[in-house]
């Protein structure tokens, strides 16, 4: 599920945890399998408790815990900064101009950083703030609308199911990094 080229960029960013010698317990599940489970949830929008064990992703708790831990370690933010640096160095990415906008999504379970929607009869929601490169400035709103559509291509981000803000933020940052990766390879 994870292309080798993308995994080669993610793997060095993941924290290395030494195996405990006093209480070794079970061997740690492979990071690539766990990340595949995280991406499965992000792409499909499936609830954590329905993550299929048959696909070999590992337990849902392990996937959610590693998503949280890697987000706290700054892995997704580093990846999101690393990927656009390459096209910027070659002149394919113009950072001198940017388009900024936000979109509003439903937050059915509430949680921190949610509030009443100004456009949806005050139902609980959450805002996604977006920045896109300035290749479409000058009345071309499609640039930011395309960015919002790319984020909402990940089904888990269409409706905010996470109560915990750190898990939602981890999904957002990971999705932005994947969008950058797709732009980089095309």
N, C-alpha and C. Protein backbone atom coordinates (compact mmCIF):
# COMPACT_ATOMS: atom_id res chain seq x y z
N UNK A 1 0.82 -1.20 0.00
CA UNK A 1 0.00 0.00 0.00
C UNK A 1 0.86 1.26 0.00
N UNK A 2 2.05 1.17 0.54
CA UNK A 2 2.95 2.33 0.57
C UNK A 2 4.03 2.13 -0.49
N UNK A 3 4.14 3.03 -1.46
CA UNK A 3 5.20 2.89 -2.47
C UNK A 3 6.58 2.92 -1.82
N UNK A 4 7.49 2.17 -2.41
CA UNK A 4 8.84 2.07 -1.86
C UNK A 4 9.53 3.44 -1.79
N UNK A 5 9.30 4.29 -2.79
CA UNK A 5 9.93 5.62 -2.80
C UNK A 5 9.45 6.48 -1.65
N UNK A 6 8.15 6.40 -1.36
CA UNK A 6 7.61 7.17 -0.23
C UNK A 6 8.10 6.59 1.09
N UNK A 7 8.13 5.26 1.20
CA UNK A 7 8.60 4.63 2.43
C UNK A 7 10.06 4.98 2.69
N UNK A 8 10.85 5.11 1.64
CA UNK A 8 12.27 5.47 1.80
C UNK A 8 12.42 6.86 2.41
N UNK A 9 11.44 7.72 2.23
CA UNK A 9 11.49 9.06 2.82
C UNK A 9 10.90 9.09 4.22
N UNK A 10 9.92 8.24 4.48
CA UNK A 10 9.27 8.23 5.79
C UNK A 10 10.11 7.49 6.83
N UNK A 11 10.66 6.34 6.46
CA UNK A 11 11.34 5.47 7.43
C UNK A 11 12.43 6.16 8.23
N UNK A 12 13.31 6.99 7.60
CA UNK A 12 14.35 7.64 8.42
C UNK A 12 13.80 8.66 9.42
N UNK A 13 12.57 9.13 9.20
CA UNK A 13 11.97 10.13 10.09
C UNK A 13 11.34 9.49 11.33
N UNK A 14 11.06 8.19 11.27
CA UNK A 14 10.39 7.52 12.38
C UNK A 14 11.34 7.33 13.55
N UNK A 15 10.87 7.60 14.77
CA UNK A 15 11.74 7.41 15.94
C UNK A 15 12.07 5.93 16.14
N UNK A 16 13.29 5.68 16.55
CA UNK A 16 13.73 4.31 16.82
C UNK A 16 13.63 4.08 18.32
N UNK A 17 12.85 3.09 18.70
CA UNK A 17 12.68 2.77 20.11
C UNK A 17 13.46 1.50 20.41
N UNK A 18 14.40 1.55 21.36
CA UNK A 18 15.16 0.34 21.69
C UNK A 18 14.26 -0.68 22.38
N UNK A 19 14.55 -1.92 22.13
CA UNK A 19 13.78 -3.01 22.75
C UNK A 19 14.13 -3.09 24.23
N UNK A 20 13.13 -3.18 25.06
CA UNK A 20 13.35 -3.28 26.51
C UNK A 20 13.92 -4.65 26.84
N UNK A 21 14.97 -4.66 27.63
CA UNK A 21 15.58 -5.94 28.02
C UNK A 21 15.00 -6.47 29.32
N UNK A 22 14.52 -5.57 30.20
CA UNK A 22 13.97 -6.03 31.48
C UNK A 22 12.59 -6.66 31.33
N UNK A 23 11.76 -6.12 30.42
CA UNK A 23 10.42 -6.68 30.14
C UNK A 23 10.24 -6.67 28.62
N UNK A 24 10.83 -7.63 27.93
CA UNK A 24 10.81 -7.55 26.47
C UNK A 24 9.43 -7.66 25.85
N UNK A 25 8.56 -8.51 26.39
CA UNK A 25 7.21 -8.63 25.84
C UNK A 25 7.22 -9.09 24.39
N UNK A 26 6.15 -8.73 23.68
CA UNK A 26 6.05 -9.08 22.28
C UNK A 26 6.96 -8.22 21.43
N UNK A 27 7.36 -8.76 20.29
CA UNK A 27 8.16 -7.99 19.35
C UNK A 27 7.28 -6.90 18.73
N UNK A 28 7.86 -5.73 18.55
CA UNK A 28 7.12 -4.61 17.98
C UNK A 28 6.67 -4.92 16.55
N UNK A 29 5.46 -4.51 16.22
CA UNK A 29 4.92 -4.71 14.88
C UNK A 29 5.67 -3.81 13.90
N UNK A 30 5.85 -4.30 12.69
CA UNK A 30 6.57 -3.58 11.64
C UNK A 30 5.92 -2.21 11.38
N UNK A 31 6.74 -1.17 11.35
CA UNK A 31 6.23 0.20 11.15
C UNK A 31 5.50 0.36 9.82
N UNK A 32 5.99 -0.30 8.78
CA UNK A 32 5.37 -0.16 7.47
C UNK A 32 3.96 -0.74 7.47
N UNK A 33 3.76 -1.86 8.15
CA UNK A 33 2.42 -2.45 8.25
C UNK A 33 1.48 -1.55 9.04
N UNK A 34 1.99 -0.98 10.11
CA UNK A 34 1.17 -0.08 10.93
C UNK A 34 0.80 1.17 10.13
N UNK A 35 1.76 1.72 9.39
CA UNK A 35 1.47 2.90 8.57
C UNK A 35 0.45 2.55 7.48
N UNK A 36 0.52 1.36 6.95
CA UNK A 36 -0.49 0.92 5.97
C UNK A 36 -1.88 0.92 6.60
N UNK A 37 -1.97 0.48 7.85
CA UNK A 37 -3.25 0.51 8.55
C UNK A 37 -3.76 1.93 8.77
N UNK A 38 -2.85 2.82 9.13
CA UNK A 38 -3.21 4.23 9.32
C UNK A 38 -3.72 4.82 8.01
N UNK A 39 -3.02 4.54 6.91
CA UNK A 39 -3.44 5.06 5.61
C UNK A 39 -4.75 4.44 5.16
N UNK A 40 -4.99 3.18 5.52
CA UNK A 40 -6.27 2.53 5.19
C UNK A 40 -7.42 3.28 5.85
N UNK A 41 -7.24 3.65 7.11
CA UNK A 41 -8.27 4.40 7.82
C UNK A 41 -8.43 5.79 7.19
N UNK A 42 -7.33 6.44 6.84
CA UNK A 42 -7.38 7.78 6.25
C UNK A 42 -8.08 7.75 4.89
N UNK A 43 -7.73 6.79 4.05
CA UNK A 43 -8.31 6.71 2.70
C UNK A 43 -9.78 6.31 2.72
N UNK A 44 -10.12 5.29 3.51
CA UNK A 44 -11.47 4.74 3.45
C UNK A 44 -12.45 5.42 4.39
N UNK A 45 -11.95 6.05 5.45
CA UNK A 45 -12.83 6.67 6.43
C UNK A 45 -13.43 5.67 7.40
N UNK A 46 -12.96 4.45 7.37
CA UNK A 46 -13.47 3.40 8.24
C UNK A 46 -13.17 3.73 9.71
N UNK A 47 -14.05 3.32 10.59
CA UNK A 47 -13.82 3.53 12.03
C UNK A 47 -12.67 2.63 12.49
N UNK A 48 -11.92 3.11 13.48
CA UNK A 48 -10.78 2.34 13.98
C UNK A 48 -11.18 0.92 14.37
N UNK A 49 -12.33 0.78 15.01
CA UNK A 49 -12.70 -0.54 15.51
C UNK A 49 -13.02 -1.53 14.40
N UNK A 50 -13.21 -1.05 13.17
CA UNK A 50 -13.50 -1.94 12.04
C UNK A 50 -12.28 -2.17 11.15
N UNK A 51 -11.11 -1.78 11.60
CA UNK A 51 -9.89 -2.01 10.83
C UNK A 51 -9.68 -3.51 10.68
N UNK A 52 -9.66 -4.02 9.43
CA UNK A 52 -9.62 -5.48 9.25
C UNK A 52 -8.29 -6.09 9.66
N UNK A 53 -8.34 -7.04 10.57
CA UNK A 53 -7.15 -7.76 11.02
C UNK A 53 -6.60 -8.66 9.92
N UNK A 54 -7.47 -9.08 9.01
CA UNK A 54 -7.06 -10.00 7.94
C UNK A 54 -6.04 -9.37 7.00
N UNK A 55 -5.99 -8.06 6.95
CA UNK A 55 -5.06 -7.38 6.04
C UNK A 55 -3.67 -7.21 6.65
N UNK A 56 -3.50 -7.58 7.91
CA UNK A 56 -2.18 -7.58 8.52
C UNK A 56 -1.67 -6.24 9.00
N UNK A 57 -2.58 -5.28 9.25
CA UNK A 57 -2.17 -3.96 9.71
C UNK A 57 -1.82 -3.93 11.19
N UNK A 58 -2.26 -4.92 11.91
CA UNK A 58 -2.06 -4.93 13.35
C UNK A 58 -3.29 -4.41 14.06
N UNK A 59 -3.28 -4.45 15.39
CA UNK A 59 -4.44 -3.99 16.16
C UNK A 59 -4.71 -2.50 15.96
N UNK A 60 -5.97 -2.15 16.04
CA UNK A 60 -6.38 -0.75 15.86
C UNK A 60 -5.72 0.15 16.88
N UNK A 61 -5.57 -0.34 18.10
CA UNK A 61 -4.96 0.46 19.16
C UNK A 61 -3.51 0.78 18.83
N UNK A 62 -2.80 -0.20 18.28
CA UNK A 62 -1.41 0.02 17.87
C UNK A 62 -1.33 1.07 16.78
N UNK A 63 -2.19 0.96 15.78
CA UNK A 63 -2.19 1.93 14.67
C UNK A 63 -2.48 3.34 15.18
N UNK A 64 -3.51 3.48 16.01
CA UNK A 64 -3.88 4.80 16.52
C UNK A 64 -2.79 5.36 17.44
N UNK A 65 -2.20 4.51 18.26
CA UNK A 65 -1.14 4.96 19.17
C UNK A 65 0.10 5.43 18.39
N UNK A 66 0.48 4.67 17.36
CA UNK A 66 1.65 5.08 16.57
C UNK A 66 1.36 6.36 15.79
N UNK A 67 0.14 6.52 15.28
CA UNK A 67 -0.22 7.76 14.60
C UNK A 67 -0.03 8.93 15.55
N UNK A 68 -0.51 8.79 16.78
CA UNK A 68 -0.36 9.82 17.79
C UNK A 68 1.11 10.07 18.13
N UNK A 69 1.85 8.99 18.39
CA UNK A 69 3.26 9.12 18.78
C UNK A 69 4.10 9.75 17.67
N UNK A 70 3.88 9.31 16.44
CA UNK A 70 4.64 9.86 15.32
C UNK A 70 4.28 11.32 15.07
N UNK A 71 3.02 11.67 15.30
CA UNK A 71 2.62 13.07 15.16
C UNK A 71 3.29 13.92 16.24
N UNK A 72 3.32 13.42 17.48
CA UNK A 72 3.97 14.15 18.57
C UNK A 72 5.47 14.27 18.34
N UNK A 73 6.07 13.28 17.67
CA UNK A 73 7.51 13.33 17.36
C UNK A 73 7.80 14.23 16.16
N UNK A 74 6.76 14.74 15.52
CA UNK A 74 6.94 15.66 14.40
C UNK A 74 7.24 14.98 13.07
N UNK A 75 6.95 13.69 12.96
CA UNK A 75 7.27 12.95 11.74
C UNK A 75 6.49 13.50 10.55
N UNK A 76 5.18 13.71 10.71
CA UNK A 76 4.36 14.15 9.57
C UNK A 76 4.72 15.58 9.17
N UNK A 77 5.02 16.44 10.15
CA UNK A 77 5.40 17.81 9.82
C UNK A 77 6.74 17.83 9.08
N UNK A 78 7.70 17.02 9.53
CA UNK A 78 9.00 16.95 8.85
C UNK A 78 8.84 16.44 7.42
N UNK A 79 7.99 15.43 7.25
CA UNK A 79 7.74 14.90 5.91
C UNK A 79 7.10 15.95 5.03
N UNK A 80 6.14 16.68 5.59
CA UNK A 80 5.45 17.72 4.83
C UNK A 80 6.40 18.87 4.47
N UNK A 81 7.41 19.13 5.26
CA UNK A 81 8.41 20.15 4.94
C UNK A 81 9.46 19.63 3.96
N UNK A 82 9.79 18.34 4.08
CA UNK A 82 10.81 17.73 3.24
C UNK A 82 10.36 17.61 1.78
N UNK A 83 9.14 17.17 1.55
CA UNK A 83 8.68 16.90 0.19
C UNK A 83 8.61 18.15 -0.70
N UNK A 84 8.05 19.27 -0.26
CA UNK A 84 8.04 20.45 -1.14
C UNK A 84 9.42 21.10 -1.33
N UNK A 85 10.38 20.75 -0.49
CA UNK A 85 11.71 21.35 -0.62
C UNK A 85 12.38 20.95 -1.94
N UNK A 86 12.10 19.75 -2.41
CA UNK A 86 12.72 19.28 -3.66
C UNK A 86 12.25 20.07 -4.88
N UNK A 87 10.94 20.19 -5.13
CA UNK A 87 10.54 21.00 -6.29
C UNK A 87 10.88 22.48 -6.13
N UNK A 88 10.93 22.96 -4.90
CA UNK A 88 11.32 24.36 -4.68
C UNK A 88 12.78 24.58 -5.08
N UNK A 89 13.64 23.61 -4.78
CA UNK A 89 15.05 23.72 -5.12
C UNK A 89 15.27 23.70 -6.64
N UNK A 90 14.41 22.99 -7.37
CA UNK A 90 14.55 22.92 -8.83
C UNK A 90 13.75 24.00 -9.55
N UNK A 91 13.04 24.84 -8.81
CA UNK A 91 12.27 25.92 -9.41
C UNK A 91 10.88 25.53 -9.88
N UNK A 92 10.42 24.34 -9.55
CA UNK A 92 9.09 23.89 -9.95
C UNK A 92 8.00 24.36 -9.00
N UNK A 93 8.38 24.89 -7.85
CA UNK A 93 7.43 25.35 -6.85
C UNK A 93 7.72 26.80 -6.54
N UNK A 94 6.72 27.65 -6.72
CA UNK A 94 6.87 29.08 -6.47
C UNK A 94 6.30 29.40 -5.10
N UNK A 95 7.18 29.70 -4.14
CA UNK A 95 6.72 30.04 -2.79
C UNK A 95 6.60 31.55 -2.58
N UNK A 96 6.78 32.32 -3.63
CA UNK A 96 6.70 33.77 -3.47
C UNK A 96 5.25 34.24 -3.37
N UNK A 97 4.31 33.44 -3.87
CA UNK A 97 2.89 33.77 -3.79
C UNK A 97 2.14 32.57 -3.24
N UNK A 98 1.05 32.84 -2.54
CA UNK A 98 0.26 31.74 -1.97
C UNK A 98 -1.21 32.11 -1.96
N UNK A 99 -2.05 31.10 -1.95
CA UNK A 99 -3.49 31.26 -1.84
C UNK A 99 -3.89 30.63 -0.51
N UNK A 100 -4.65 31.36 0.28
CA UNK A 100 -5.06 30.89 1.60
C UNK A 100 -6.58 30.92 1.68
N UNK A 101 -7.15 29.87 2.22
CA UNK A 101 -8.60 29.81 2.42
C UNK A 101 -8.89 28.74 3.47
N UNK A 102 -10.15 28.59 3.80
CA UNK A 102 -10.54 27.57 4.76
C UNK A 102 -11.82 26.91 4.29
N UNK A 103 -12.03 25.71 4.78
CA UNK A 103 -13.29 25.01 4.52
C UNK A 103 -13.83 24.54 5.86
N UNK A 104 -15.11 24.29 5.88
CA UNK A 104 -15.76 23.89 7.12
C UNK A 104 -16.30 22.48 6.95
N UNK A 105 -16.03 21.60 7.93
CA UNK A 105 -16.56 20.23 7.88
C UNK A 105 -17.34 19.96 9.16
N UNK A 106 -18.22 19.00 9.10
CA UNK A 106 -19.00 18.60 10.27
C UNK A 106 -18.09 17.87 11.25
N UNK A 107 -18.33 18.09 12.52
CA UNK A 107 -17.64 17.37 13.60
C UNK A 107 -18.73 16.71 14.44
N UNK A 108 -19.10 15.52 14.05
CA UNK A 108 -20.26 14.87 14.66
C UNK A 108 -20.08 14.54 16.12
N UNK A 109 -18.84 14.29 16.55
CA UNK A 109 -18.61 13.93 17.96
C UNK A 109 -18.10 15.10 18.78
N UNK A 110 -17.97 16.28 18.19
CA UNK A 110 -17.48 17.43 18.92
C UNK A 110 -15.99 17.32 19.19
N UNK A 111 -15.56 17.87 20.31
CA UNK A 111 -14.15 17.82 20.68
C UNK A 111 -13.54 19.20 20.70
N UNK A 112 -12.24 19.28 21.05
CA UNK A 112 -11.58 20.58 21.06
C UNK A 112 -11.47 21.15 19.65
N UNK A 113 -11.39 22.45 19.58
CA UNK A 113 -11.26 23.18 18.32
C UNK A 113 -12.43 22.91 17.38
N UNK A 114 -13.62 22.73 17.96
CA UNK A 114 -14.85 22.64 17.17
C UNK A 114 -15.79 23.72 17.67
N UNK A 115 -16.73 24.07 16.84
CA UNK A 115 -17.68 25.09 17.23
C UNK A 115 -18.86 25.12 16.29
N UNK A 116 -19.78 26.06 16.50
CA UNK A 116 -20.95 26.14 15.64
C UNK A 116 -20.59 26.62 14.25
N UNK A 117 -21.20 26.02 13.26
CA UNK A 117 -20.95 26.38 11.87
C UNK A 117 -21.72 27.65 11.53
N UNK A 118 -21.07 28.61 10.87
CA UNK A 118 -21.79 29.81 10.47
C UNK A 118 -22.68 29.58 9.25
N UNK A 119 -22.50 28.46 8.55
CA UNK A 119 -23.25 28.23 7.32
C UNK A 119 -24.17 27.02 7.39
N UNK A 120 -24.12 26.24 8.48
CA UNK A 120 -24.89 25.01 8.55
C UNK A 120 -25.74 24.97 9.81
N UNK A 121 -26.58 25.99 10.00
CA UNK A 121 -27.52 26.07 11.11
C UNK A 121 -26.86 25.82 12.46
N UNK A 122 -25.67 26.33 12.63
CA UNK A 122 -24.92 26.26 13.90
C UNK A 122 -24.63 24.84 14.36
N UNK A 123 -24.59 23.87 13.43
CA UNK A 123 -24.20 22.51 13.80
C UNK A 123 -22.71 22.49 14.10
N UNK A 124 -22.30 21.58 14.97
CA UNK A 124 -20.91 21.50 15.37
C UNK A 124 -20.02 21.18 14.18
N UNK A 125 -18.91 21.91 14.07
CA UNK A 125 -18.01 21.69 12.95
C UNK A 125 -16.59 22.08 13.29
N UNK A 126 -15.73 21.91 12.31
CA UNK A 126 -14.31 22.20 12.45
C UNK A 126 -13.82 22.81 11.15
N UNK A 127 -12.84 23.70 11.23
CA UNK A 127 -12.32 24.36 10.03
C UNK A 127 -11.01 23.74 9.60
N UNK A 128 -10.85 23.59 8.30
CA UNK A 128 -9.57 23.21 7.71
C UNK A 128 -8.99 24.44 7.02
N UNK A 129 -7.86 24.91 7.49
CA UNK A 129 -7.19 26.06 6.88
C UNK A 129 -6.18 25.53 5.87
N UNK A 130 -6.18 26.10 4.66
CA UNK A 130 -5.35 25.59 3.58
C UNK A 130 -4.50 26.70 2.97
N UNK A 131 -3.31 26.33 2.56
CA UNK A 131 -2.41 27.21 1.80
C UNK A 131 -1.98 26.43 0.57
N UNK A 132 -2.07 27.06 -0.59
CA UNK A 132 -1.60 26.43 -1.83
C UNK A 132 -0.61 27.38 -2.50
N UNK A 133 0.29 26.83 -3.32
CA UNK A 133 1.25 27.69 -4.01
C UNK A 133 0.50 28.63 -4.94
N UNK A 134 1.11 29.74 -5.28
CA UNK A 134 0.43 30.82 -5.98
C UNK A 134 0.32 30.68 -7.48
N UNK A 135 0.37 29.48 -8.02
CA UNK A 135 0.35 29.33 -9.47
C UNK A 135 -0.98 29.76 -10.09
N UNK A 136 -2.00 30.01 -9.29
CA UNK A 136 -3.29 30.37 -9.85
C UNK A 136 -3.82 31.70 -9.34
N UNK A 137 -2.97 32.55 -8.80
CA UNK A 137 -3.43 33.84 -8.29
C UNK A 137 -3.97 34.71 -9.41
N UNK A 138 -4.79 35.67 -9.04
CA UNK A 138 -5.33 36.58 -10.03
C UNK A 138 -6.74 36.19 -10.43
N UNK A 139 -7.58 35.91 -9.47
CA UNK A 139 -8.97 35.59 -9.77
C UNK A 139 -9.22 34.13 -10.07
N UNK A 140 -8.21 33.28 -9.96
CA UNK A 140 -8.40 31.85 -10.21
C UNK A 140 -8.59 31.12 -8.89
N UNK A 141 -9.83 31.05 -8.49
CA UNK A 141 -10.16 30.43 -7.22
C UNK A 141 -9.99 28.92 -7.25
N UNK A 142 -9.85 28.35 -8.44
CA UNK A 142 -9.77 26.90 -8.56
C UNK A 142 -8.57 26.32 -7.84
N UNK A 143 -7.51 27.11 -7.64
CA UNK A 143 -6.31 26.58 -6.99
C UNK A 143 -6.63 26.13 -5.57
N UNK A 144 -7.28 26.98 -4.80
CA UNK A 144 -7.58 26.60 -3.42
C UNK A 144 -8.73 25.60 -3.36
N UNK A 145 -9.68 25.71 -4.28
CA UNK A 145 -10.77 24.74 -4.31
C UNK A 145 -10.25 23.35 -4.65
N UNK A 146 -9.24 23.29 -5.51
CA UNK A 146 -8.62 22.00 -5.82
C UNK A 146 -7.91 21.43 -4.60
N UNK A 147 -7.27 22.29 -3.83
CA UNK A 147 -6.58 21.84 -2.61
C UNK A 147 -7.59 21.28 -1.61
N UNK A 148 -8.71 21.96 -1.43
CA UNK A 148 -9.75 21.48 -0.52
C UNK A 148 -10.30 20.15 -1.02
N UNK A 149 -10.51 20.04 -2.34
CA UNK A 149 -11.02 18.78 -2.90
C UNK A 149 -10.02 17.65 -2.71
N UNK A 150 -8.73 17.94 -2.85
CA UNK A 150 -7.72 16.90 -2.64
C UNK A 150 -7.70 16.42 -1.20
N UNK A 151 -7.87 17.34 -0.25
CA UNK A 151 -7.94 16.94 1.16
C UNK A 151 -9.18 16.09 1.43
N UNK A 152 -10.29 16.46 0.83
CA UNK A 152 -11.53 15.73 1.07
C UNK A 152 -11.60 14.44 0.28
N UNK A 153 -10.60 14.20 -0.59
CA UNK A 153 -10.50 12.91 -1.25
C UNK A 153 -10.22 11.82 -0.23
N UNK A 154 -9.56 12.21 0.86
CA UNK A 154 -9.35 11.28 1.97
C UNK A 154 -10.65 11.25 2.78
N UNK A 155 -11.33 10.15 2.73
CA UNK A 155 -12.66 10.07 3.33
C UNK A 155 -12.68 10.39 4.82
N UNK A 156 -11.59 10.11 5.51
CA UNK A 156 -11.56 10.37 6.96
C UNK A 156 -11.61 11.86 7.25
N UNK A 157 -11.29 12.70 6.27
CA UNK A 157 -11.27 14.15 6.49
C UNK A 157 -12.55 14.85 6.02
N UNK A 158 -13.48 14.12 5.42
CA UNK A 158 -14.73 14.75 4.98
C UNK A 158 -15.62 15.12 6.15
N UNK A 159 -15.64 14.27 7.15
CA UNK A 159 -16.36 14.53 8.39
C UNK A 159 -15.37 14.28 9.51
N UNK A 160 -15.33 15.15 10.48
CA UNK A 160 -14.41 14.96 11.59
C UNK A 160 -15.01 13.99 12.59
N UNK A 161 -14.43 12.79 12.63
CA UNK A 161 -14.89 11.76 13.56
C UNK A 161 -14.07 11.76 14.83
N UNK A 162 -12.88 12.31 14.80
CA UNK A 162 -11.99 12.28 15.96
C UNK A 162 -12.42 13.30 17.00
N UNK A 163 -12.54 12.88 18.23
CA UNK A 163 -12.77 13.82 19.31
C UNK A 163 -11.44 14.47 19.68
N UNK A 164 -10.40 13.66 19.67
CA UNK A 164 -9.06 14.16 20.03
C UNK A 164 -8.49 15.00 18.91
N UNK A 165 -8.08 16.20 19.26
CA UNK A 165 -7.55 17.14 18.28
C UNK A 165 -6.21 16.69 17.71
N UNK A 166 -5.39 16.01 18.52
CA UNK A 166 -4.07 15.60 18.01
C UNK A 166 -4.20 14.53 16.93
N UNK A 167 -5.16 13.63 17.04
CA UNK A 167 -5.36 12.60 16.03
C UNK A 167 -5.87 13.23 14.73
N UNK A 168 -6.80 14.16 14.84
CA UNK A 168 -7.30 14.85 13.65
C UNK A 168 -6.18 15.65 12.98
N UNK A 169 -5.37 16.33 13.79
CA UNK A 169 -4.24 17.08 13.23
C UNK A 169 -3.22 16.17 12.56
N UNK A 170 -3.01 14.99 13.13
CA UNK A 170 -2.08 14.03 12.53
C UNK A 170 -2.60 13.58 11.16
N UNK A 171 -3.90 13.28 11.08
CA UNK A 171 -4.48 12.90 9.79
C UNK A 171 -4.36 14.03 8.77
N UNK A 172 -4.61 15.27 9.21
CA UNK A 172 -4.52 16.41 8.29
C UNK A 172 -3.09 16.58 7.76
N UNK A 173 -2.11 16.53 8.64
CA UNK A 173 -0.72 16.73 8.23
C UNK A 173 -0.25 15.59 7.34
N UNK A 174 -0.62 14.36 7.67
CA UNK A 174 -0.26 13.21 6.85
C UNK A 174 -0.89 13.31 5.47
N UNK A 175 -2.16 13.71 5.40
CA UNK A 175 -2.83 13.87 4.11
C UNK A 175 -2.16 14.95 3.27
N UNK A 176 -1.78 16.07 3.88
CA UNK A 176 -1.09 17.13 3.15
C UNK A 176 0.25 16.64 2.60
N UNK A 177 0.95 15.83 3.39
CA UNK A 177 2.23 15.28 2.92
C UNK A 177 2.02 14.32 1.75
N UNK A 178 0.97 13.53 1.80
CA UNK A 178 0.69 12.59 0.70
C UNK A 178 0.33 13.36 -0.57
N UNK A 179 -0.42 14.44 -0.42
CA UNK A 179 -0.75 15.28 -1.59
C UNK A 179 0.52 15.85 -2.20
N UNK A 180 1.43 16.32 -1.36
CA UNK A 180 2.72 16.83 -1.86
C UNK A 180 3.50 15.73 -2.57
N UNK A 181 3.48 14.52 -1.99
CA UNK A 181 4.18 13.39 -2.60
C UNK A 181 3.63 13.09 -4.00
N UNK A 182 2.31 13.09 -4.13
CA UNK A 182 1.70 12.83 -5.44
C UNK A 182 2.09 13.89 -6.46
N UNK A 183 2.15 15.14 -6.02
CA UNK A 183 2.56 16.22 -6.91
C UNK A 183 4.02 16.08 -7.31
N UNK A 184 4.81 15.59 -6.40
CA UNK A 184 6.24 15.43 -6.65
C UNK A 184 6.52 14.35 -7.69
N UNK A 185 5.78 13.25 -7.64
CA UNK A 185 6.06 12.16 -8.57
C UNK A 185 5.41 12.36 -9.93
N UNK A 186 4.48 13.29 -10.04
CA UNK A 186 3.84 13.53 -11.35
C UNK A 186 4.41 14.70 -12.06
